[in-house]
Amino acid sequence: MQVYIASREELELVIKQAVSDAISEILPELVQKATAKEYLTKDDLMKLTGWSSRTIQNLRDTQQIPFSQHGRKILYPYAGIIEFLKENHINPRKTRSRGWSRSY
């Protein structure tokens, strides 16, 4: 087993890079969680997802997305909507090149 002992400067540089990578990976999600509302209105949900009013109503009527209702006021839990989006995420297939591969 070989051991490489780095100089103090090299070690500090590696640590700074590792911390920087970790922060830039997790920071956007933390900022989004900190600034997100706990409950969304229909307009908030339309802005977040790009869904139409009718699509939201259909997802609600078919009980595909969570919601709370008091009288006529309907609110959608942010965490529940994010969970719905993650559960319904589809990874794209890798496609082959569409170029011509014939040789003459």
Foldseek 3Di string as FASTA:
>chain_A
DDDDDDDPVVVVVVVVVVVVVVCVVCVVVVVCVVPDDQKDFLVRVCVVPVDDSVVVVVCVVVVLFDWDDDPHGIIGGPVRVVVSCVVPDDDDDDDDDPDDDDDD
